[in-house]
């Protein structure tokens, strides 16, 4: 699938709460590495992430991908993402953030999705306590330290 069409289908499936269509964009053994919820492996788990995890505490998603770049093996895109939070502390506010999506492609499908997101503004808009924010950011830091690309920085 052409990168722009893949990204449009990706965002549209999330906005429609169509986990099956979303998961179909991934290889059978595909992995979605979510900045909030962690790893989801295989199409069934990826569909569950959209249909259950994403919509458990949010509604009215909007996801846009901008300026995609691909060499056929990797696809990168800057994104803007928002939703209306149903968490009590958010009081029904729309929260959003920006980030970069990084997708490993295989046979026209996504083999691995991971992202780097500027989630700080969303945490403030959600009304998260500083301790909760610190816990989430510490988890992100631990994930960064596990990345092979980061190992040189640990020495």
C-alpha atoms as a PDB file:
ATOM      1  CA  UNK A   1       0.000   0.000   0.000  1.00  0.00           C
ATOM      2  CA  UNK A   2       1.264   3.488  -0.876  1.00  0.00           C
ATOM      3  CA  UNK A   3       2.439   5.367   2.282  1.00  0.00           C
ATOM      4  CA  UNK A   4      -0.147   8.175   2.157  1.00  0.00           C
ATOM      5  CA  UNK A   5      -2.982   5.673   1.677  1.00  0.00           C
ATOM      6  CA  UNK A   6      -1.640   3.508   4.517  1.00  0.00           C
ATOM      7  CA  UNK A   7      -1.502   6.488   6.866  1.00  0.00           C
ATOM      8  CA  UNK A   8      -5.003   7.628   5.898  1.00  0.00           C
ATOM      9  CA  UNK A   9      -6.398   4.126   6.534  1.00  0.00           C
ATOM     10  CA  UNK A  10      -4.458   3.966   9.832  1.00  0.00           C
ATOM     11  CA  UNK A  11      -5.900   7.228  11.184  1.00  0.00           C
ATOM     12  CA  UNK A  12      -9.386   6.591   9.848  1.00  0.00           C
ATOM     13  CA  UNK A  13      -9.629   3.167  11.512  1.00  0.00           C
ATOM     14  CA  UNK A  14      -8.704   4.663  14.904  1.00  0.00           C
ATOM     15  CA  UNK A  15     -11.244   7.470  14.519  1.00  0.00           C
ATOM     16  CA  UNK A  16     -13.982   4.952  13.551  1.00  0.00           C
ATOM     17  CA  UNK A  17     -13.059   2.557  16.398  1.00  0.00           C
ATOM     18  CA  UNK A  18     -12.484  -0.163  13.824  1.00  0.00           C
ATOM     19  CA  UNK A  19      -9.859  -2.395  15.408  1.00  0.00           C
ATOM     20  CA  UNK A  20     -10.192  -5.080  12.726  1.00  0.00           C
ATOM     21  CA  UNK A  21      -9.472  -2.651   9.892  1.00  0.00           C
ATOM     22  CA  UNK A  22      -6.610  -1.152  11.885  1.00  0.00           C
ATOM     23  CA  UNK A  23      -5.075  -4.554  12.658  1.00  0.00           C
ATOM     24  CA  UNK A  24      -5.349  -5.577   8.993  1.00  0.00           C
ATOM     25  CA  UNK A  25      -2.748  -2.886   8.211  1.00  0.00           C
ATOM     26  CA  UNK A  26      -0.209  -4.925  10.223  1.00  0.00           C
ATOM     27  CA  UNK A  27       1.594  -8.157   9.413  1.00  0.00           C
ATOM     28  CA  UNK A  28       0.306 -11.263  11.250  1.00  0.00           C
ATOM     29  CA  UNK A  29       3.164 -10.938  13.756  1.00  0.00           C
ATOM     30  CA  UNK A  30       3.072  -7.124  13.813  1.00  0.00           C
ATOM     31  CA  UNK A  31       3.799  -5.122  16.947  1.00  0.00           C
ATOM     32  CA  UNK A  32       2.301  -1.811  18.018  1.00  0.00           C
ATOM     33  CA  UNK A  33       4.416  -0.131  20.706  1.00  0.00           C
ATOM     34  CA  UNK A  34       2.134   2.396  22.354  1.00  0.00           C
ATOM     35  CA  UNK A  35       3.644   5.298  24.284  1.00  0.00           C
ATOM     36  CA  UNK A  36       0.971   4.926  27.020  1.00  0.00           C
ATOM     37  CA  UNK A  37      -0.050   1.253  27.079  1.00  0.00           C
ATOM     38  CA  UNK A  38       3.034  -0.666  25.981  1.00  0.00           C
ATOM     39  CA  UNK A  39       3.364  -3.417  23.376  1.00  0.00           C
ATOM     40  CA  UNK A  40       0.539  -5.163  21.530  1.00  0.00           C
ATOM     41  CA  UNK A  41       1.643  -8.178  19.449  1.00  0.00           C
ATOM     42  CA  UNK A  42      -0.347  -9.794  16.652  1.00  0.00           C
ATOM     43  CA  UNK A  43      -3.496  -8.629  14.909  1.00  0.00           C
ATOM     44  CA  UNK A  44      -5.919  -9.774  17.620  1.00  0.00           C
ATOM     45  CA  UNK A  45      -4.121  -7.803  20.336  1.00  0.00           C
ATOM     46  CA  UNK A  46      -3.705  -4.769  18.069  1.00  0.00           C
ATOM     47  CA  UNK A  47      -7.459  -4.787  17.299  1.00  0.00           C
ATOM     48  CA  UNK A  48      -8.169  -5.093  21.038  1.00  0.00           C
ATOM     49  CA  UNK A  49      -5.924  -2.098  21.712  1.00  0.00           C
ATOM     50  CA  UNK A  50      -8.064   0.094  19.433  1.00  0.00           C
ATOM     51  CA  UNK A  51     -11.496  -1.258  20.344  1.00  0.00           C
ATOM     52  CA  UNK A  52     -10.924  -1.524  24.091  1.00  0.00           C
ATOM     53  CA  UNK A  53      -7.786   0.157  25.411  1.00  0.00           C
ATOM     54  CA  UNK A  54      -7.974   3.376  23.378  1.00  0.00           C
ATOM     55  CA  UNK A  55     -11.707   3.851  23.915  1.00  0.00           C
ATOM     56  CA  UNK A  56     -11.764   2.778  27.561  1.00  0.00           C
ATOM     57  CA  UNK A  57     -11.033   6.308  28.810  1.00  0.00           C
ATOM     58  CA  UNK A  58     -11.437   8.439  25.686  1.00  0.00           C
ATOM     59  CA  UNK A  59     -13.741   9.252  22.789  1.00  0.00           C
ATOM     60  CA  UNK A  60     -13.856  11.376  19.639  1.00  0.00           C
ATOM     61  CA  UNK A  61     -10.333  10.634  18.447  1.00  0.00           C
ATOM     62  CA  UNK A  62      -8.656  12.770  15.813  1.00  0.00           C
ATOM     63  CA  UNK A  63      -5.395  11.604  14.295  1.00  0.00           C
ATOM     64  CA  UNK A  64      -3.572  13.268  11.418  1.00  0.00           C
ATOM     65  CA  UNK A  65      -0.285  12.252   9.807  1.00  0.00           C
ATOM     66  CA  UNK A  66       1.809  14.929   8.128  1.00  0.00           C
ATOM     67  CA  UNK A  67       4.805  14.956   5.764  1.00  0.00           C
ATOM     68  CA  UNK A  68       5.422  11.198   5.440  1.00  0.00           C
ATOM     69  CA  UNK A  69       8.838   9.957   4.354  1.00  0.00           C
ATOM     70  CA  UNK A  70       9.476   6.373   3.285  1.00  0.00           C
ATOM     71  CA  UNK A  71      12.128   4.283   1.598  1.00  0.00           C
ATOM     72  CA  UNK A  72       9.793   1.278   1.297  1.00  0.00           C
ATOM     73  CA  UNK A  73      11.257  -0.377   4.402  1.00  0.00           C
ATOM     74  CA  UNK A  74      10.621   2.406   6.927  1.00  0.00           C
ATOM     75  CA  UNK A  75       7.860   4.993   7.052  1.00  0.00           C
ATOM     76  CA  UNK A  76       8.125   8.114   9.200  1.00  0.00           C
ATOM     77  CA  UNK A  77       5.457  10.771   9.718  1.00  0.00           C
ATOM     78  CA  UNK A  78       4.934  13.722  12.012  1.00  0.00           C
ATOM     79  CA  UNK A  79       1.517  13.436  13.658  1.00  0.00           C
ATOM     80  CA  UNK A  80      -1.018  15.412  15.640  1.00  0.00           C
ATOM     81  CA  UNK A  81      -3.378  13.425  17.851  1.00  0.00           C
ATOM     82  CA  UNK A  82      -6.232  14.348  20.163  1.00  0.00           C
ATOM     83  CA  UNK A  83      -9.235  12.897  21.948  1.00  0.00           C
ATOM     84  CA  UNK A  84     -11.852  13.812  24.521  1.00  0.00           C
ATOM     85  CA  UNK A  85     -10.809  12.238  27.802  1.00  0.00           C
ATOM     86  CA  UNK A  86     -13.419  10.484  29.933  1.00  0.00           C
ATOM     87  CA  UNK A  87     -11.093  10.292  32.939  1.00  0.00           C
ATOM     88  CA  UNK A  88     -12.672  12.078  35.931  1.00  0.00           C
ATOM     89  CA  UNK A  89      -9.760  14.486  36.426  1.00  0.00           C
ATOM     90  CA  UNK A  90      -9.926  15.616  32.787  1.00  0.00           C
ATOM     91  CA  UNK A  91     -13.546  16.781  33.098  1.00  0.00           C
ATOM     92  CA  UNK A  92     -14.335  15.947  29.451  1.00  0.00           C
ATOM     93  CA  UNK A  93     -11.593  18.117  27.960  1.00  0.00           C
ATOM     94  CA  UNK A  94     -10.059  17.512  24.549  1.00  0.00           C
ATOM     95  CA  UNK A  95      -6.376  16.772  25.004  1.00  0.00           C
ATOM     96  CA  UNK A  96      -3.726  16.305  22.392  1.00  0.00           C
ATOM     97  CA  UNK A  97      -0.102  15.986  21.583  1.00  0.00           C
ATOM     98  CA  UNK A  98       2.299  15.722  18.701  1.00  0.00           C
ATOM     99  CA  UNK A  99       4.823  13.099  17.823  1.00  0.00           C
ATOM    100  CA  UNK A 100       6.647  11.110  15.194  1.00  0.00           C
ATOM    101  CA  UNK A 101       5.442   7.698  14.037  1.00  0.00           C
ATOM    102  CA  UNK A 102       8.108   5.194  12.968  1.00  0.00           C
ATOM    103  CA  UNK A 103       6.903   2.155  11.060  1.00  0.00           C
ATOM    104  CA  UNK A 104       8.897  -0.820   9.857  1.00  0.00           C
ATOM    105  CA  UNK A 105       7.225  -2.122   6.690  1.00  0.00           C
ATOM    106  CA  UNK A 106       7.101  -5.640   5.293  1.00  0.00           C
ATOM    107  CA  UNK A 107       5.148  -6.719   2.200  1.00  0.00           C
ATOM    108  CA  UNK A 108       3.101  -3.516   2.207  1.00  0.00           C
ATOM    109  CA  UNK A 109       2.045  -3.845   5.834  1.00  0.00           C
ATOM    110  CA  UNK A 110       3.299  -2.540   9.158  1.00  0.00           C
ATOM    111  CA  UNK A 111       5.597  -5.015  10.919  1.00  0.00           C
ATOM    112  CA  UNK A 112       6.366  -2.668  13.810  1.00  0.00           C
ATOM    113  CA  UNK A 113       4.948   0.668  14.901  1.00  0.00           C
ATOM    114  CA  UNK A 114       6.588   2.818  17.525  1.00  0.00           C
ATOM    115  CA  UNK A 115       6.444   6.474  18.286  1.00  0.00           C
ATOM    116  CA  UNK A 116       8.079   9.322  20.066  1.00  0.00           C
ATOM    117  CA  UNK A 117       5.408  11.617  21.469  1.00  0.00           C
ATOM    118  CA  UNK A 118       5.483  14.922  23.266  1.00  0.00           C
ATOM    119  CA  UNK A 119       2.951  13.784  25.875  1.00  0.00           C
ATOM    120  CA  UNK A 120       3.704  16.438  28.503  1.00  0.00           C
ATOM    121  CA  UNK A 121       1.032  18.887  27.277  1.00  0.00           C
ATOM    122  CA  UNK A 122      -1.577  16.103  27.360  1.00  0.00           C
ATOM    123  CA  UNK A 123      -0.709  15.210  30.959  1.00  0.00           C
ATOM    124  CA  UNK A 124      -1.170  18.829  32.000  1.00  0.00           C
ATOM    125  CA  UNK A 125      -4.496  19.076  30.133  1.00  0.00           C
ATOM    126  CA  UNK A 126      -5.638  15.804  31.726  1.00  0.00           C
ATOM    127  CA  UNK A 127      -4.985  17.208  35.164  1.00  0.00           C
ATOM    128  CA  UNK A 128      -2.622  14.387  36.141  1.00  0.00           C
ATOM    129  CA  UNK A 129      -0.923  14.724  39.507  1.00  0.00           C
ATOM    130  CA  UNK A 130       2.833  15.335  39.272  1.00  0.00           C
ATOM    131  CA  UNK A 131       3.539  11.898  40.795  1.00  0.00           C
ATOM    132  CA  UNK A 132       1.474  10.174  38.111  1.00  0.00           C
ATOM    133  CA  UNK A 133       3.223  12.104  35.358  1.00  0.00           C
ATOM    134  CA  UNK A 134       6.626  11.263  36.835  1.00  0.00           C
ATOM    135  CA  UNK A 135       5.738   7.549  36.924  1.00  0.00           C
ATOM    136  CA  UNK A 136       4.721   7.536  33.250  1.00  0.00           C
ATOM    137  CA  UNK A 137       7.797   9.483  32.164  1.00  0.00           C
ATOM    138  CA  UNK A 138      10.062   7.151  34.157  1.00  0.00           C
ATOM    139  CA  UNK A 139       8.523   4.213  32.262  1.00  0.00           C
ATOM    140  CA  UNK A 140       9.283   5.973  28.964  1.00  0.00           C
ATOM    141  CA  UNK A 141      12.872   6.554  30.117  1.00  0.00           C
ATOM    142  CA  UNK A 142      13.256   2.862  30.927  1.00  0.00           C
ATOM    143  CA  UNK A 143      12.028   1.969  27.419  1.00  0.00           C
ATOM    144  CA  UNK A 144      14.521   4.389  25.876  1.00  0.00           C
ATOM    145  CA  UNK A 145      17.400   2.801  27.793  1.00  0.00           C
ATOM    146  CA  UNK A 146      16.430  -0.614  26.358  1.00  0.00           C
ATOM    147  CA  UNK A 147      16.678   0.556  22.732  1.00  0.00           C
ATOM    148  CA  UNK A 148      19.745  -0.786  20.899  1.00  0.00           C
ATOM    149  CA  UNK A 149      20.255   2.664  19.372  1.00  0.00           C
ATOM    150  CA  UNK A 150      20.645   4.159  22.854  1.00  0.00           C
ATOM    151  CA  UNK A 151      23.214   1.747  24.287  1.00  0.00           C
ATOM    152  CA  UNK A 152      26.200   3.913  23.403  1.00  0.00           C
ATOM    153  CA  UNK A 153      24.671   6.697  25.493  1.00  0.00           C
ATOM    154  CA  UNK A 154      24.671   4.522  28.610  1.00  0.00           C
ATOM    155  CA  UNK A 155      28.449   4.031  28.659  1.00  0.00           C
END
